[in-house]
Amino acid sequence: MEELLNKLNIPYKNIKLYDRALTHTSYANENNVESYERLEYLGDAVLELIISEYLYKNTEYEEGKMTKYRSHYVCENANNEYSNRLGLNEYLKLGHGEEERGGKFRKTIGGDIFESFIGAMYLDLGLDEVKKFIYKNVIPLIEDKTVDFFDDYKSVLQELVQTDKKSLEYIVIDEQGPAHDKTFTVEVRIDNIVYGMGVAHSKKEAEQIAAHDALLKAQNGLE
């Protein structure tokens, strides 16, 4: 943990907080220690506050648009991206079963540990240090228009299809794997024509991937 904190230039005081921030529930249950869940709750609120302030001070967006953009920058996709770029998953403590299932690379866990890490830093160093960290490591990604954090492709596709008065449905065409670790394959059909396909460990994520696939094709027109 000390290696990670030094690499990120964090002037930490209580290293145990950061250790807890990277302790998954599976590891906590096996070793009778506290997991990152409470820190994740706190970090989510701190991150929302900092991004809200950034949008308020640096844009002229009205309230609804600021809320929409904040949801893009504080979401599972975005948090996982921040986490991966910082290398947090390399220091993640997982239980044996979760480790074997590739938990270190799961998007949900990656997103969670970024928030818990922010929660730990807030308790250890205060809001000003967290803001410095966010402005150094997150804001440049937000301002880089080539980085796509948008994850609600279904809503965009729904609006597009409604405009053209076409029908839209998501069909699960395949399920594989045990109950605790299924893989779903979903097709999105517009007027009964397949426009996109998605594969993921949840139906919702597979639908989003399928919608994204369809939107890429829609750039050439939904004919």
Protein backbone atom coordinates (compact mmCIF):
# COMPACT_ATOMS: atom_id res chain seq x y z
CA MET A 1 0.00 0.00 0.00
CA GLU A 2 2.83 2.39 0.81
CA GLU A 3 4.17 1.81 -2.70
CA LEU A 4 0.85 2.86 -4.26
CA LEU A 5 0.46 5.97 -2.11
CA ASN A 6 4.01 7.10 -2.85
CA LYS A 7 3.51 6.48 -6.56
CA LEU A 8 0.38 8.66 -6.49
CA ASN A 9 2.15 11.33 -4.38
CA ILE A 10 -0.45 11.15 -1.61
CA PRO A 11 0.88 12.65 1.67
CA TYR A 12 -0.96 10.06 3.76
CA LYS A 13 -1.17 9.98 7.54
CA ASN A 14 -3.27 6.89 8.26
CA ILE A 15 -2.29 4.11 5.86
CA LYS A 16 -4.85 1.74 7.38
CA LEU A 17 -7.69 3.74 5.81
CA TYR A 18 -6.34 3.15 2.30
CA ASP A 19 -5.76 -0.51 3.06
CA ARG A 20 -9.42 -0.81 4.07
CA ALA A 21 -10.46 1.09 0.94
CA LEU A 22 -9.03 -1.72 -1.19
CA THR A 23 -10.43 -4.61 0.88
CA HIS A 24 -13.30 -6.36 -0.91
CA THR A 25 -16.18 -7.93 1.03
CA SER A 26 -15.04 -11.42 0.01
CA TYR A 27 -11.62 -10.88 1.63
CA ALA A 28 -13.16 -9.16 4.65
CA ASN A 29 -15.47 -12.13 5.29
CA GLU A 30 -12.62 -14.63 5.02
CA ASN A 31 -10.31 -12.66 7.31
CA ASN A 32 -12.76 -11.03 9.73
CA VAL A 33 -11.81 -7.46 8.85
CA GLU A 34 -13.77 -4.44 7.61
CA SER A 35 -14.44 -4.06 3.87
CA TYR A 36 -14.47 -0.92 1.74
CA GLU A 37 -18.27 -0.57 1.66
CA ARG A 38 -18.65 2.24 4.22
CA LEU A 39 -15.75 4.19 2.68
CA GLU A 40 -17.35 3.72 -0.76
CA TYR A 41 -20.55 5.36 0.54
CA LEU A 42 -18.59 8.36 1.80
CA GLY A 43 -16.38 8.64 -1.28
CA ASP A 44 -19.37 8.70 -3.61
CA ALA A 45 -20.73 11.79 -1.85
CA VAL A 46 -17.33 13.54 -1.82
CA LEU A 47 -16.77 12.83 -5.51
CA GLU A 48 -20.23 14.12 -6.44
CA LEU A 49 -19.58 17.34 -4.50
CA ILE A 50 -16.24 18.03 -6.20
CA ILE A 51 -17.54 17.28 -9.71
CA SER A 52 -20.69 19.34 -9.04
CA GLU A 53 -18.55 22.31 -8.01
CA TYR A 54 -16.32 21.85 -11.06
CA LEU A 55 -19.30 21.90 -13.43
CA TYR A 56 -20.85 24.91 -11.68
CA LYS A 57 -17.65 26.95 -11.85
CA ASN A 58 -16.46 25.91 -15.31
CA THR A 59 -19.64 25.74 -17.40
CA GLU A 60 -22.74 27.80 -18.03
CA TYR A 61 -24.96 24.71 -18.12
CA GLU A 62 -28.43 24.87 -16.60
CA GLU A 63 -29.25 22.58 -13.68
CA GLY A 64 -30.58 19.64 -15.70
CA LYS A 65 -27.56 19.56 -17.98
CA MET A 66 -25.12 19.78 -15.07
CA THR A 67 -26.91 16.85 -13.42
CA LYS A 68 -26.69 14.85 -16.64
CA TYR A 69 -22.98 15.51 -17.09
CA ARG A 70 -22.23 14.76 -13.44
CA SER A 71 -23.93 11.39 -13.85
CA HIS A 72 -21.53 10.69 -16.75
CA TYR A 73 -18.44 11.54 -14.69
CA VAL A 74 -19.54 9.85 -11.44
CA CYS A 75 -20.77 6.47 -12.61
CA GLU A 76 -19.53 2.88 -12.71
CA ASN A 77 -17.92 3.27 -16.14
CA ALA A 78 -16.10 6.48 -15.27
CA ASN A 79 -15.05 5.40 -11.78
CA ASN A 80 -13.69 2.15 -13.17
CA GLU A 81 -11.70 4.12 -15.77
CA TYR A 82 -10.19 6.35 -13.07
CA SER A 83 -9.41 3.30 -10.94
CA ASN A 84 -7.67 1.45 -13.76
CA ARG A 85 -5.56 4.44 -14.75
CA LEU A 86 -4.40 4.82 -11.14
CA GLY A 87 -3.68 1.09 -10.84
CA LEU A 88 -5.85 0.61 -7.76
CA ASN A 89 -6.95 -2.88 -8.77
CA GLU A 90 -3.37 -4.13 -8.54
CA TYR A 91 -3.51 -3.55 -4.77
CA LEU A 92 -7.04 -4.91 -4.26
CA LYS A 93 -7.55 -7.60 -1.61
CA LEU A 94 -10.01 -10.29 -2.73
CA GLY A 95 -11.25 -13.56 -1.29
CA HIS A 96 -10.09 -16.76 -2.98
CA GLY A 97 -13.31 -17.33 -4.93
CA GLU A 98 -13.57 -13.74 -6.15
CA GLU A 99 -9.90 -13.76 -7.12
CA GLU A 100 -10.41 -16.88 -9.22
CA ARG A 101 -13.44 -15.32 -10.95
CA GLY A 102 -11.35 -12.37 -12.07
CA GLY A 103 -12.73 -9.90 -9.56
CA LYS A 104 -9.67 -7.71 -9.91
CA PHE A 105 -10.85 -6.78 -13.39
CA ARG A 106 -14.61 -6.49 -12.77
CA LYS A 107 -15.97 -3.07 -13.69
CA THR A 108 -18.30 -2.92 -10.69
CA ILE A 109 -15.45 -3.55 -8.24
CA GLY A 110 -13.14 -1.16 -10.05
CA GLY A 111 -15.74 1.58 -9.75
CA ASP A 112 -16.37 0.80 -6.09
CA ILE A 113 -12.73 1.00 -5.03
CA PHE A 114 -12.20 4.38 -6.65
CA GLU A 115 -15.01 5.78 -4.48
CA SER A 116 -13.75 4.01 -1.35
CA PHE A 117 -10.23 5.31 -2.02
CA ILE A 118 -11.60 8.86 -2.24
CA GLY A 119 -13.50 8.26 1.00
CA ALA A 120 -10.30 7.14 2.71
CA MET A 121 -8.38 10.17 1.46
CA TYR A 122 -11.15 12.50 2.65
CA LEU A 123 -11.02 11.07 6.18
CA ASP A 124 -7.22 11.08 6.21
CA LEU A 125 -6.38 14.41 4.59
CA GLY A 126 -9.56 16.46 4.21
CA LEU A 127 -11.49 17.92 1.30
CA ASP A 128 -8.79 20.23 -0.05
CA GLU A 129 -6.31 17.39 -0.62
CA VAL A 130 -9.02 15.28 -2.28
CA LYS A 131 -9.83 18.19 -4.61
CA LYS A 132 -6.16 18.48 -5.58
CA PHE A 133 -6.10 14.76 -6.32
CA ILE A 134 -9.30 14.89 -8.40
CA TYR A 135 -8.14 17.94 -10.35
CA LYS A 136 -4.85 16.21 -11.10
CA ASN A 137 -6.18 12.75 -12.01
CA VAL A 138 -9.84 13.06 -13.00
CA ILE A 139 -10.53 16.53 -14.42
CA PRO A 140 -7.99 16.09 -17.29
CA LEU A 141 -9.93 12.99 -18.38
CA ILE A 142 -13.22 14.89 -18.21
CA GLU A 143 -11.74 17.67 -20.33
CA ASP A 144 -10.31 15.17 -22.82
CA LYS A 145 -13.19 14.85 -25.27
CA THR A 146 -11.80 11.60 -26.66
CA VAL A 147 -12.54 9.78 -23.37
CA ASP A 148 -16.13 8.46 -23.37
CA PHE A 149 -17.71 7.95 -19.94
CA PHE A 150 -21.26 7.89 -21.22
CA ASP A 151 -23.02 4.69 -20.20
CA ASP A 152 -26.74 5.21 -20.83
CA TYR A 153 -26.81 4.27 -24.49
CA LYS A 154 -30.28 2.73 -24.11
CA SER A 155 -31.87 6.11 -23.37
CA VAL A 156 -30.20 7.74 -26.38
CA LEU A 157 -31.31 4.91 -28.66
CA GLN A 158 -34.84 5.07 -27.24
CA GLU A 159 -35.07 8.79 -28.05
CA LEU A 160 -33.74 8.22 -31.56
CA VAL A 161 -36.19 5.39 -32.27
CA GLN A 162 -39.16 7.31 -30.84
CA THR A 163 -38.39 10.19 -33.19
CA ASP A 164 -38.67 7.81 -36.13
CA LYS A 165 -41.71 6.04 -34.60
CA LYS A 166 -40.04 2.65 -34.82
CA SER A 167 -40.39 -0.30 -32.41
CA LEU A 168 -37.49 -1.20 -30.10
CA GLU A 169 -36.87 -4.37 -28.10
CA TYR A 170 -34.02 -6.19 -26.37
CA ILE A 171 -33.93 -9.99 -26.69
CA VAL A 172 -31.75 -12.36 -24.65
CA ILE A 173 -30.59 -14.91 -27.23
CA ASP A 174 -28.16 -16.86 -25.06
CA GLU A 175 -27.30 -17.52 -21.38
CA GLN A 176 -24.23 -19.45 -20.30
CA GLY A 177 -22.43 -20.25 -17.08
CA PRO A 178 -23.44 -21.04 -13.47
CA ALA A 179 -26.14 -19.02 -11.71
CA HIS A 180 -23.63 -16.87 -9.80
CA ASP A 181 -21.57 -16.02 -12.89
CA LYS A 182 -23.79 -16.07 -15.99
CA THR A 183 -22.93 -14.53 -19.34
CA PHE A 184 -25.82 -13.01 -21.31
CA THR A 185 -25.96 -12.31 -25.03
CA VAL A 186 -28.55 -9.70 -26.00
CA GLU A 187 -29.75 -8.44 -29.38
CA VAL A 188 -31.41 -5.07 -29.86
CA ARG A 189 -34.03 -5.10 -32.60
CA ILE A 190 -35.54 -2.08 -34.31
CA ASP A 191 -38.69 -2.92 -36.28
CA ASN A 192 -37.65 -6.59 -35.90
CA ILE A 193 -34.25 -5.97 -37.53
CA VAL A 194 -31.13 -6.72 -35.45
CA TYR A 195 -29.07 -3.54 -35.12
CA GLY A 196 -26.75 -4.43 -32.26
CA MET A 197 -25.49 -7.18 -29.97
CA GLY A 198 -23.99 -7.17 -26.48
CA VAL A 199 -22.36 -9.78 -24.23
CA ALA A 200 -21.89 -9.21 -20.47
CA HIS A 201 -22.34 -10.75 -17.02
CA SER A 202 -25.66 -8.95 -16.48
CA LYS A 203 -28.66 -8.42 -18.75
CA LYS A 204 -28.57 -4.66 -18.14
CA GLU A 205 -24.93 -4.31 -19.14
CA ALA A 206 -25.45 -6.54 -22.20
CA GLU A 207 -28.37 -4.32 -23.23
CA GLN A 208 -26.22 -1.18 -22.91
CA ILE A 209 -23.48 -2.74 -25.04
CA ALA A 210 -26.06 -3.77 -27.64
CA ALA A 211 -27.52 -0.25 -27.65
CA HIS A 212 -24.04 1.23 -28.10
CA ASP A 213 -23.45 -1.15 -31.02
CA ALA A 214 -26.75 -0.03 -32.56
CA LEU A 215 -25.92 3.66 -32.12
CA LEU A 216 -22.64 3.23 -33.96
CA LYS A 217 -24.58 1.74 -36.86
CA ALA A 218 -27.24 4.43 -36.55
CA GLN A 219 -24.67 7.04 -37.50
CA ASN A 220 -25.24 5.78 -41.05
CA GLY A 221 -29.03 6.02 -40.61
CA LEU A 222 -31.64 3.59 -39.33
CA GLU A 223 -33.03 2.31 -42.59
